[in-house]
Amino acid sequence: MIFNYGIDHLTVDTVMGIANGTIKGVMNKQAIKKVNACRKMVEKMASSNKAVYGINTGFGPMCDVQITPAETNKLQENLLISHAVGVGNAISPSLSKIMMICKVHALCQGYSGIRLEVIERILFFIDNDLLPVLPEQGSVGASGDLAPLSHLFLPLIGEGEFWAEGEIVSAKQVLSKHSIVPIQLAAKEGLALINGTQFILAHTIIGLNKMDYLLDLADVAGAMSIEGYQGSASPFKEALHKIRPFKGSIEVAARMRILLDNSQNLASHKDCARVQDPYSMRCIPQVHGASRNAYYHLNELAEIEMNSVTDNPIILSDTEAISGGNFHGQLLAMALDYSSIAVSELGNISDRRSYLLIEGKFGLPRLLTSAGGLNSGFMIPQYTTAALVSENKSLCFPPSADSIPTSLGQEDHVSMGSISGRKFNQILCNLEKILAIELLYAAQAMEFRRPNTFSTIIEKNIKIIRTKVAKLEEDRLLKDDINAIISMVSNQTIIVK
């Protein structure tokens, strides 16, 4: 499959496809024509006596200092070098690749004024997995992600570092190995490269890709817990949700009906004396559904952003370069913070279901062990989920609610969206672990409901779990069991549809 940068419509799935090699990203003639036409506009402005921000002036608070044509190239190189001040651990190579993919798509739309040869060099990096090393901290999310994008594109000029088989190697060494001469940047190019929201956007894309699966997995874990608890399927009836028709809750209720379909276990409980289940069981459509609604919103905004031009200034003609605010990350930052709460809540309700399964009610032994006293059974893994849930709650403080002026007050309101994106992914990683422990509990609880059978999907998942984790008969080291299911979750081995 071919994707045409600057022409076709980018989606989360497309980005992930280009990143993993199942889709080939290319520049077609139409994109090349747009890029070359915009470059000619920049060259005309750069050679004129009229001050145009970022083309023949300094940057930020130095925007009132005009630069001579002879100094233009040095100005762009200085921009990358001076702005590469990120700190902290390096982001994953996959995030670096996604950032480059998104940046190329923006540059190919023909509003940034960059030369074709620079884009072609970035495409060479993408196609050959030459992935720059960049630190995770240092962006305030306006004027774009300046520090991380500077690190990302330092290798274009022979500076910075690449990943090479898990090791960090100097860009000079890697470029030499491939017989590549560093590029000398020209007017506007440094600014086109480092102004933009691609750091925030890459974290959003990779988070959305993970959240999509975890939303489905949360439904599966909830259904398995209901089976273990012998709860009721009546709260998922279609008629109930038609009269409060939120998209997310309707979808979750429908999924729960499928996940519990033809359950011999629940059928055997149909006429029992219990009136209703706790909220963490019967309110799954409302709670999981609210998180789905947040996902839909973030995905919609991310798709707009990945098809947008977010650098500055924007070149509209050979006489008009607009210095606006398309680089400001607030549009994603606020939605990322909302989605962080949505993901955190999936973990919060999951922990409550795990707790219910160890209370020793409705035919289940306390702590899910028939040999309590001598054995602690599944007492302690819930401590872990409680700790992870609390950590997620603390990570839900919205960075987008904060702003610290930078650039001598020129950039007096910033989004902090890079922090929002990083925290979003931290919460998602914690959710993987919380849901893994719920699956561990639910699988054990369902052992006490045999010989009853469950739905086809749930029966398949029990078999998958039992390939690595046996039923607990007496105390053993549970760390390996937990890690085995976490691995199943992170590798998306558990069947969700």
Protein backbone atom coordinates (compact mmCIF):
# COMPACT_ATOMS: atom_id res chain seq x y z
CA MET A 1 0.00 0.00 0.00
CA ILE A 2 1.22 3.50 -0.90
CA PHE A 3 0.63 6.73 1.05
CA ASN A 4 1.30 10.06 -0.70
CA TYR A 5 2.75 12.60 1.73
CA GLY A 6 1.10 16.02 1.57
CA ILE A 7 -1.74 14.70 -0.60
CA ASP A 8 -3.49 11.75 1.07
CA HIS A 9 -5.31 11.88 4.41
CA LEU A 10 -3.25 10.65 7.37
CA THR A 11 -4.83 8.59 10.18
CA VAL A 12 -3.52 6.83 13.27
CA ASP A 13 -3.61 3.49 11.45
CA THR A 14 -1.77 4.95 8.46
CA VAL A 15 0.98 6.44 10.62
CA MET A 16 1.42 3.14 12.44
CA GLY A 17 1.46 1.32 9.08
CA ILE A 18 4.22 3.57 7.71
CA ALA A 19 6.14 3.19 10.96
CA ASN A 20 5.99 -0.62 10.93
CA GLY A 21 6.65 -0.93 7.20
CA THR A 22 3.29 -2.24 6.00
CA ILE A 23 2.60 1.06 4.19
CA LYS A 24 5.10 2.88 1.99
CA GLY A 25 5.15 6.67 2.33
CA VAL A 26 6.20 8.53 -0.84
CA MET A 27 6.22 12.01 -2.40
CA ASN A 28 4.35 12.14 -5.69
CA LYS A 29 4.70 14.77 -8.43
CA GLN A 30 1.88 16.87 -7.02
CA ALA A 31 3.56 17.15 -3.60
CA ILE A 32 6.95 17.89 -5.17
CA LYS A 33 5.38 20.67 -7.24
CA LYS A 34 3.83 22.25 -4.12
CA VAL A 35 7.09 22.06 -2.16
CA ASN A 36 9.16 23.60 -4.98
CA ALA A 37 6.65 26.39 -5.61
CA CYS A 38 6.65 27.40 -1.93
CA ARG A 39 10.44 27.28 -1.82
CA LYS A 40 10.64 29.82 -4.65
CA MET A 41 8.43 32.17 -2.60
CA VAL A 42 10.81 31.93 0.36
CA GLU A 43 13.86 32.59 -1.78
CA LYS A 44 12.25 35.73 -3.16
CA MET A 45 11.45 37.00 0.34
CA ALA A 46 14.91 36.11 1.65
CA SER A 47 16.58 38.22 -1.04
CA SER A 48 14.40 41.29 -0.43
CA ASN A 49 15.03 44.18 1.97
CA LYS A 50 11.65 43.72 3.66
CA ALA A 51 11.88 42.11 7.12
CA VAL A 52 10.04 38.77 7.21
CA TYR A 53 10.04 36.87 10.50
CA GLY A 54 12.16 33.74 10.53
CA ILE A 55 13.37 34.24 6.98
CA ASN A 56 15.61 37.28 7.32
CA THR A 57 15.12 38.14 11.00
CA GLY A 58 16.12 36.63 14.30
CA PHE A 59 13.76 34.48 16.36
CA GLY A 60 11.51 35.00 19.36
CA PRO A 61 12.49 38.19 21.19
CA MET A 62 15.14 38.82 18.47
CA CYS A 63 12.46 39.10 15.78
CA ASP A 64 13.28 42.82 15.39
CA VAL A 65 16.87 42.10 14.30
CA GLN A 66 17.21 41.78 10.52
CA ILE A 67 19.72 39.28 9.13
CA THR A 68 21.71 39.84 5.93
CA PRO A 69 21.38 37.33 3.06
CA ALA A 70 24.95 36.21 3.71
CA GLU A 71 24.07 35.28 7.31
CA THR A 72 20.81 33.45 6.52
CA ASN A 73 22.23 29.93 6.29
CA LYS A 74 24.22 30.28 9.50
CA LEU A 75 21.08 31.58 11.24
CA GLN A 76 19.18 28.38 10.44
CA GLU A 77 21.99 26.10 11.62
CA ASN A 78 22.35 28.12 14.82
CA LEU A 79 18.62 27.70 15.41
CA LEU A 80 18.85 23.90 15.59
CA ILE A 81 22.01 23.91 17.69
CA SER A 82 20.84 26.54 20.18
CA HIS A 83 17.40 24.98 20.66
CA ALA A 84 18.57 21.38 21.23
CA VAL A 85 18.52 21.67 25.01
CA GLY A 86 16.27 18.75 25.98
CA VAL A 87 17.05 16.65 29.05
CA GLY A 88 15.99 13.34 30.58
CA ASN A 89 15.67 9.84 29.18
CA ALA A 90 15.52 9.31 25.42
CA ILE A 91 12.10 8.67 23.92
CA SER A 92 11.58 5.36 22.12
CA PRO A 93 12.90 5.04 18.55
CA SER A 94 9.33 4.38 17.38
CA LEU A 95 8.25 7.80 18.67
CA SER A 96 11.13 9.44 16.79
CA LYS A 97 9.99 7.72 13.60
CA ILE A 98 6.36 8.80 14.07
CA MET A 99 7.52 12.39 14.63
CA MET A 100 9.41 12.35 11.33
CA ILE A 101 6.45 10.82 9.47
CA CYS A 102 4.12 13.54 10.75
CA LYS A 103 6.63 16.30 10.04
CA VAL A 104 7.18 15.14 6.43
CA HIS A 105 3.42 15.10 5.82
CA ALA A 106 3.15 18.69 7.10
CA LEU A 107 6.13 19.92 5.07
CA CYS A 108 4.81 18.32 1.88
CA GLN A 109 1.65 20.43 1.95
CA GLY A 110 3.60 23.35 0.54
CA TYR A 111 3.27 26.08 3.16
CA SER A 112 6.63 25.74 4.93
CA GLY A 113 9.11 26.84 2.27
CA ILE A 114 11.59 24.04 2.79
CA ARG A 115 13.72 22.64 -0.05
CA LEU A 116 12.85 19.29 -1.60
CA GLU A 117 16.29 17.88 -0.80
CA VAL A 118 15.76 18.36 2.94
CA ILE A 119 12.48 16.45 2.88
CA GLU A 120 14.09 13.72 0.79
CA ARG A 121 16.82 13.36 3.42
CA ILE A 122 14.22 12.92 6.17
CA LEU A 123 12.45 10.33 4.01
CA PHE A 124 15.76 8.48 3.67
CA PHE A 125 16.03 8.42 7.47
CA ILE A 126 12.47 7.05 7.77
CA ASP A 127 12.85 4.42 5.05
CA ASN A 128 16.17 3.17 6.40
CA ASP A 129 15.27 3.27 10.10
CA LEU A 130 17.86 5.92 10.84
CA LEU A 131 16.10 7.17 13.94
CA PRO A 132 17.47 10.15 15.86
CA VAL A 133 17.90 10.14 19.63
CA LEU A 134 16.03 12.84 21.50
CA PRO A 135 15.34 13.45 25.21
CA GLU A 136 11.83 13.40 26.59
CA GLN A 137 11.86 16.67 28.58
CA GLY A 138 12.22 20.29 27.60
CA SER A 139 9.20 21.22 25.47
CA VAL A 140 6.53 23.61 26.71
CA GLY A 141 4.34 22.88 23.68
CA ALA A 142 4.44 26.36 22.10
CA SER A 143 6.20 27.69 19.99
CA GLY A 144 5.72 24.08 19.05
CA ASP A 145 7.98 21.35 20.41
CA LEU A 146 11.17 23.31 19.86
CA ALA A 147 13.69 21.33 21.89
CA PRO A 148 12.68 17.78 20.86
CA LEU A 149 12.31 18.74 17.19
CA SER A 150 15.74 20.38 17.28
CA HIS A 151 17.26 17.13 18.57
CA LEU A 152 15.27 15.18 15.98
CA PHE A 153 16.76 17.11 13.06
CA LEU A 154 20.31 17.74 14.28
CA PRO A 155 21.49 14.72 12.22
CA LEU A 156 20.50 16.57 9.04
CA ILE A 157 23.42 18.93 9.68
CA GLY A 158 25.74 16.21 10.96
CA GLU A 159 25.12 16.79 14.66
CA GLY A 160 23.21 14.78 17.27
CA GLU A 161 22.84 11.02 17.52
CA PHE A 162 21.07 8.00 16.04
CA TRP A 163 19.85 4.70 17.45
CA ALA A 164 21.82 1.75 16.07
CA GLU A 165 20.79 -1.73 17.23
CA GLY A 166 19.75 -0.41 20.62
CA GLU A 167 22.92 1.64 21.06
CA ILE A 168 23.41 5.40 20.72
CA VAL A 169 25.83 6.35 17.94
CA SER A 170 26.95 9.81 16.78
CA ALA A 171 25.23 11.16 13.69
CA LYS A 172 28.62 11.85 12.10
CA GLN A 173 29.50 8.15 12.36
CA VAL A 174 26.17 6.96 10.91
CA LEU A 175 26.16 9.49 8.05
CA SER A 176 29.71 8.54 7.17
CA LYS A 177 28.76 4.85 7.09
CA HIS A 178 26.01 5.66 4.55
CA SER A 179 28.27 8.08 2.59
CA ILE A 180 25.90 10.95 3.36
CA VAL A 181 27.08 14.56 3.40
CA PRO A 182 25.36 16.79 6.01
CA ILE A 183 22.89 19.33 4.64
CA GLN A 184 23.53 23.07 4.88
CA LEU A 185 20.22 24.60 5.81
CA ALA A 186 18.95 27.63 3.91
CA ALA A 187 16.47 30.41 4.69
CA LYS A 188 13.39 29.41 6.73
CA GLU A 189 14.37 25.72 6.87
CA GLY A 190 15.50 25.50 10.48
CA LEU A 191 12.32 27.20 11.61
CA ALA A 192 10.16 24.92 9.42
CA LEU A 193 11.81 21.89 11.01
CA ILE A 194 11.56 22.81 14.70
CA ASN A 195 8.29 24.75 14.81
CA GLY A 196 5.42 22.27 15.10
CA THR A 197 3.57 19.95 17.43
CA GLN A 198 5.01 16.64 16.25
CA PHE A 199 6.32 15.60 19.70
CA ILE A 200 2.87 16.09 21.24
CA LEU A 201 1.25 14.50 18.19
CA ALA A 202 3.49 11.40 18.19
CA HIS A 203 2.68 10.74 21.85
CA THR A 204 -1.01 11.19 21.02
CA ILE A 205 -0.85 8.75 18.10
CA ILE A 206 0.99 6.01 19.95
CA GLY A 207 -1.31 6.51 22.96
CA LEU A 208 -4.46 6.32 20.84
CA ASN A 209 -3.19 3.13 19.23
CA LYS A 210 -2.76 1.56 22.67
CA MET A 211 -5.96 3.03 24.13
CA ASP A 212 -8.04 1.54 21.30
CA TYR A 213 -7.05 -1.99 22.37
CA LEU A 214 -7.24 -1.31 26.10
CA LEU A 215 -10.81 0.00 25.81
CA ASP A 216 -11.81 -3.33 24.29
CA LEU A 217 -9.72 -5.24 26.82
CA ALA A 218 -11.38 -3.43 29.73
CA ASP A 219 -14.74 -4.71 28.47
CA VAL A 220 -13.35 -8.25 28.29
CA ALA A 221 -11.88 -8.03 31.79
CA GLY A 222 -15.17 -6.66 33.09
CA ALA A 223 -17.15 -9.47 31.45
CA MET A 224 -14.81 -12.09 32.90
CA SER A 225 -15.16 -10.55 36.36
CA ILE A 226 -18.96 -10.62 36.01
CA GLU A 227 -18.72 -14.31 35.10
CA GLY A 228 -16.53 -14.98 38.12
CA TYR A 229 -18.85 -12.99 40.39
CA GLN A 230 -21.94 -14.52 38.77
CA GLY A 231 -23.33 -11.06 38.22
CA SER A 232 -26.25 -10.06 36.07
CA ALA A 233 -26.30 -9.30 32.34
CA SER A 234 -29.56 -7.33 32.56
CA PRO A 235 -27.85 -3.90 32.96
CA PHE A 236 -26.56 -4.32 29.40
CA LYS A 237 -29.95 -4.67 27.70
CA GLU A 238 -30.28 -2.58 24.56
CA ALA A 239 -33.56 -0.97 25.62
CA LEU A 240 -31.91 0.51 28.72
CA HIS A 241 -29.22 2.31 26.73
CA LYS A 242 -31.48 3.53 23.92
CA ILE A 243 -33.09 5.94 26.35
CA ARG A 244 -29.69 7.45 27.29
CA PRO A 245 -28.00 7.19 23.91
CA PHE A 246 -24.37 8.16 24.45
CA LYS A 247 -22.26 6.62 21.71
CA GLY A 248 -19.71 5.07 24.06
CA SER A 249 -22.16 3.48 26.47
CA ILE A 250 -24.29 2.05 23.63
CA GLU A 251 -21.18 0.47 22.12
CA VAL A 252 -19.97 -0.97 25.44
CA ALA A 253 -23.40 -2.39 26.30
CA ALA A 254 -23.51 -4.11 22.91
CA ARG A 255 -20.03 -5.52 23.51
CA MET A 256 -21.01 -6.82 26.92
CA ARG A 257 -23.99 -8.62 25.43
CA ILE A 258 -21.67 -10.34 22.95
CA LEU A 259 -19.05 -11.16 25.58
CA LEU A 260 -21.67 -12.75 27.84
CA ASP A 261 -23.70 -14.37 25.07
CA ASN A 262 -24.82 -17.97 25.70
CA SER A 263 -23.12 -18.11 29.07
CA GLN A 264 -24.25 -21.25 30.86
CA ASN A 265 -22.74 -19.78 34.01
CA LEU A 266 -24.92 -16.64 34.03
CA ALA A 267 -27.98 -18.60 32.95
CA SER A 268 -27.61 -20.80 36.03
CA HIS A 269 -27.76 -17.67 38.19
CA LYS A 270 -30.76 -16.10 36.44
CA ASP A 271 -33.39 -16.63 39.16
CA CYS A 272 -31.25 -16.06 42.26
CA ALA A 273 -32.28 -13.73 45.11
CA ARG A 274 -29.74 -10.99 44.32
CA VAL A 275 -31.42 -7.74 43.26
CA GLN A 276 -28.47 -5.82 41.82
CA ASP A 277 -24.70 -5.85 41.46
CA PRO A 278 -22.23 -3.20 42.68
CA TYR A 279 -21.64 -0.24 40.38
CA SER A 280 -18.28 -1.49 39.11
CA MET A 281 -20.18 -4.39 37.51
CA ARG A 282 -23.49 -2.93 36.37
CA CYS A 283 -22.21 0.53 35.39
CA ILE A 284 -19.57 -0.78 32.98
CA PRO A 285 -21.35 0.73 29.93
CA GLN A 286 -21.59 4.14 31.55
CA VAL A 287 -18.01 4.26 32.86
CA HIS A 288 -16.22 2.46 30.04
CA GLY A 289 -18.49 4.31 27.63
CA ALA A 290 -17.42 7.70 28.96
CA SER A 291 -13.80 6.69 28.37
CA ARG A 292 -14.69 5.66 24.82
CA ASN A 293 -16.26 9.06 24.21
CA ALA A 294 -12.98 10.68 25.30
CA TYR A 295 -11.10 8.40 22.90
CA TYR A 296 -13.35 9.39 19.99
CA HIS A 297 -12.81 13.07 20.75
CA LEU A 298 -9.03 12.79 21.00
CA ASN A 299 -8.83 10.68 17.85
CA GLU A 300 -10.86 13.27 15.93
CA LEU A 301 -8.56 16.10 17.04
CA ALA A 302 -5.40 14.09 16.41
CA GLU A 303 -6.52 13.35 12.86
CA ILE A 304 -7.04 17.05 12.22
CA GLU A 305 -3.62 17.83 13.67
CA MET A 306 -1.72 15.18 11.70
CA ASN A 307 -3.12 16.65 8.47
CA SER A 308 -2.35 20.24 9.46
CA VAL A 309 0.58 22.61 9.00
CA THR A 310 1.87 23.69 12.40
CA ASP A 311 5.11 25.58 11.77
CA ASN A 312 5.62 29.34 11.61
CA PRO A 313 5.58 31.56 9.64
CA ILE A 314 3.19 30.10 7.07
CA ILE A 315 4.04 30.99 3.46
CA LEU A 316 0.92 32.03 1.53
CA SER A 317 2.54 33.87 -1.40
CA ASP A 318 5.88 35.36 -2.43
CA THR A 319 4.92 38.53 -0.55
CA GLU A 320 2.97 37.12 2.40
CA ALA A 321 4.37 35.08 5.28
CA ILE A 322 1.92 34.98 8.18
CA SER A 323 3.39 34.77 11.67
CA GLY A 324 0.50 33.12 13.49
CA GLY A 325 0.04 30.52 16.19
CA ASN A 326 -0.52 27.19 14.46
CA PHE A 327 2.34 25.79 16.54
CA HIS A 328 0.42 26.18 19.80
CA GLY A 329 -0.27 22.77 21.37
CA GLN A 330 -3.35 23.69 23.43
CA LEU A 331 -5.76 22.05 20.98
CA LEU A 332 -4.29 18.62 21.73
CA ALA A 333 -3.09 19.30 25.27
CA MET A 334 -6.55 19.80 26.76
CA ALA A 335 -7.96 16.71 25.05
CA LEU A 336 -4.93 14.66 26.18
CA ASP A 337 -5.58 15.69 29.77
CA TYR A 338 -9.25 14.71 29.45
CA SER A 339 -8.22 11.38 27.94
CA SER A 340 -5.76 10.79 30.77
CA ILE A 341 -8.66 10.99 33.20
CA ALA A 342 -10.63 8.61 30.96
CA VAL A 343 -7.83 6.04 30.98
CA SER A 344 -7.28 6.43 34.71
CA GLU A 345 -10.95 5.70 35.35
CA LEU A 346 -10.73 2.42 33.46
CA GLY A 347 -8.09 1.37 35.98
CA ASN A 348 -10.05 2.72 38.91
CA ILE A 349 -13.16 0.65 38.15
CA SER A 350 -11.05 -2.41 37.28
CA ASP A 351 -9.43 -2.34 40.72
CA ARG A 352 -12.89 -2.28 42.33
CA ARG A 353 -13.93 -5.38 40.38
CA SER A 354 -10.76 -7.19 41.44
CA TYR A 355 -11.55 -6.31 45.06
CA LEU A 356 -15.07 -7.74 44.75
CA LEU A 357 -13.69 -11.07 43.57
CA ILE A 358 -11.60 -11.60 46.71
CA GLU A 359 -14.30 -10.67 49.25
CA GLY A 360 -15.55 -14.26 49.46
CA LYS A 361 -19.15 -13.71 48.42
CA PHE A 362 -21.67 -15.65 46.33
CA GLY A 363 -19.84 -18.95 46.33
CA LEU A 364 -16.31 -17.64 45.88
CA PRO A 365 -13.76 -18.42 48.63
CA ARG A 366 -12.11 -15.49 50.34
CA LEU A 367 -8.98 -14.35 48.51
CA LEU A 368 -9.88 -16.84 45.77
CA THR A 369 -8.18 -19.74 47.57
CA SER A 370 -9.78 -22.87 48.99
CA ALA A 371 -6.93 -23.20 51.46
CA GLY A 372 -7.09 -19.83 53.23
CA GLY A 373 -5.18 -19.24 56.43
CA LEU A 374 -2.07 -21.14 55.50
CA ASN A 375 -2.31 -19.49 52.08
CA SER A 376 -2.82 -15.79 51.33
CA GLY A 377 -4.08 -16.57 47.84
CA PHE A 378 -4.79 -13.43 45.82
CA MET A 379 -4.74 -10.97 48.71
CA ILE A 380 -1.71 -8.96 47.65
CA PRO A 381 -2.00 -8.33 43.87
CA GLN A 382 -4.91 -5.99 44.66
CA TYR A 383 -2.44 -3.92 46.68
CA THR A 384 -0.55 -3.49 43.43
CA THR A 385 -3.62 -2.37 41.52
CA ALA A 386 -4.46 0.05 44.32
CA ALA A 387 -0.95 1.53 44.10
CA LEU A 388 -1.15 1.85 40.32
CA VAL A 389 -4.62 3.42 40.49
CA SER A 390 -3.38 5.97 43.00
CA GLU A 391 -0.36 6.73 40.83
CA ASN A 392 -2.62 7.28 37.84
CA LYS A 393 -4.81 9.64 39.81
CA SER A 394 -1.74 11.70 40.72
CA LEU A 395 -0.75 11.78 37.04
CA CYS A 396 -4.14 13.26 36.10
CA PHE A 397 -3.22 16.81 37.09
CA PRO A 398 -3.73 18.67 33.79
CA PRO A 399 -0.49 20.25 32.51
CA SER A 400 -2.62 22.25 30.07
CA ALA A 401 -3.96 24.18 33.07
CA ASP A 402 -0.46 25.57 33.57
CA SER A 403 1.51 28.13 31.59
CA ILE A 404 4.92 29.63 32.29
CA PRO A 405 6.04 32.50 30.03
CA THR A 406 9.21 31.95 27.99
CA SER A 407 11.33 33.80 25.40
CA LEU A 408 11.49 37.06 27.38
CA GLY A 409 7.70 37.19 27.42
CA GLN A 410 7.25 36.89 23.65
CA GLU A 411 5.87 33.39 24.25
CA ASP A 412 3.74 34.40 27.21
CA HIS A 413 1.21 31.55 27.04
CA VAL A 414 2.26 27.96 26.40
CA SER A 415 0.36 24.66 26.37
CA MET A 416 2.66 22.24 28.26
CA GLY A 417 1.14 19.67 25.87
CA SER A 418 4.34 17.63 25.70
CA ILE A 419 3.90 16.80 29.39
CA SER A 420 0.24 15.96 28.75
CA GLY A 421 1.28 13.50 26.04
CA ARG A 422 3.95 11.84 28.14
CA LYS A 423 1.65 11.46 31.15
CA PHE A 424 -1.13 10.07 28.95
CA ASN A 425 1.18 7.24 27.93
CA GLN A 426 2.39 6.63 31.48
CA ILE A 427 -1.21 6.16 32.59
CA LEU A 428 -1.86 3.79 29.70
CA CYS A 429 1.15 1.65 30.70
CA ASN A 430 -0.17 1.48 34.27
CA LEU A 431 -3.62 0.51 32.97
CA GLU A 432 -2.10 -2.45 31.14
CA LYS A 433 -0.85 -3.78 34.48
CA ILE A 434 -4.12 -3.12 36.31
CA LEU A 435 -6.17 -4.95 33.68
CA ALA A 436 -3.67 -7.82 33.65
CA ILE A 437 -4.25 -8.36 37.37
CA GLU A 438 -8.02 -8.22 36.90
CA LEU A 439 -7.68 -10.92 34.23
CA LEU A 440 -5.62 -13.00 36.67
CA TYR A 441 -8.34 -12.66 39.32
CA ALA A 442 -11.22 -13.28 36.95
CA ALA A 443 -9.64 -16.42 35.49
CA GLN A 444 -9.17 -17.81 39.00
CA ALA A 445 -12.72 -16.90 40.03
CA MET A 446 -14.20 -18.65 37.01
CA GLU A 447 -12.46 -21.87 38.03
CA PHE A 448 -14.92 -22.01 40.94
CA ARG A 449 -17.87 -21.79 38.50
CA ARG A 450 -17.01 -24.98 36.62
CA PRO A 451 -18.45 -27.14 35.14
CA ASN A 452 -20.43 -24.18 33.85
CA THR A 453 -19.27 -22.82 30.50
CA PHE A 454 -18.84 -19.24 29.32
CA SER A 455 -19.08 -17.38 26.01
CA THR A 456 -16.81 -18.40 23.16
CA ILE A 457 -14.53 -15.36 23.52
CA ILE A 458 -14.13 -15.82 27.25
CA GLU A 459 -13.44 -19.54 26.95
CA LYS A 460 -10.72 -18.78 24.38
CA ASN A 461 -9.14 -16.21 26.68
CA ILE A 462 -9.13 -18.60 29.65
CA LYS A 463 -7.19 -21.06 27.48
CA ILE A 464 -4.75 -18.32 26.45
CA ILE A 465 -4.16 -17.32 30.07
CA ARG A 466 -3.79 -20.95 31.18
CA THR A 467 -0.98 -21.51 28.66
CA LYS A 468 1.20 -19.37 30.94
CA VAL A 469 -0.62 -19.19 34.28
CA ALA A 470 -2.04 -22.26 36.04
CA LYS A 471 -4.92 -22.17 38.49
CA LEU A 472 -3.63 -21.23 41.94
CA GLU A 473 -3.99 -24.19 44.33
CA GLU A 474 -1.58 -22.99 47.01
CA ASP A 475 0.67 -19.97 47.44
CA ARG A 476 3.41 -19.50 44.89
CA LEU A 477 5.45 -16.61 43.57
CA LEU A 478 2.85 -14.57 41.69
CA LYS A 479 5.27 -12.14 40.12
CA ASP A 480 5.87 -14.43 37.16
CA ASP A 481 2.12 -14.98 36.69
CA ILE A 482 1.43 -11.24 36.73
CA ASN A 483 4.27 -10.48 34.33
CA ALA A 484 3.10 -13.22 31.97
CA ILE A 485 -0.37 -11.68 31.68
CA ILE A 486 1.07 -8.15 31.42
CA SER A 487 3.08 -9.44 28.46
CA MET A 488 -0.12 -10.87 26.93
CA VAL A 489 -1.78 -7.48 27.33
CA SER A 490 1.11 -5.44 25.92
CA ASN A 491 1.45 -7.84 22.99
CA GLN A 492 -2.34 -7.79 22.50
CA THR A 493 -2.57 -11.57 22.81
CA ILE A 494 -5.85 -11.48 24.73
CA ILE A 495 -8.78 -11.70 22.29
CA VAL A 496 -11.07 -8.68 22.49
CA LYS A 497 -13.41 -9.18 19.51
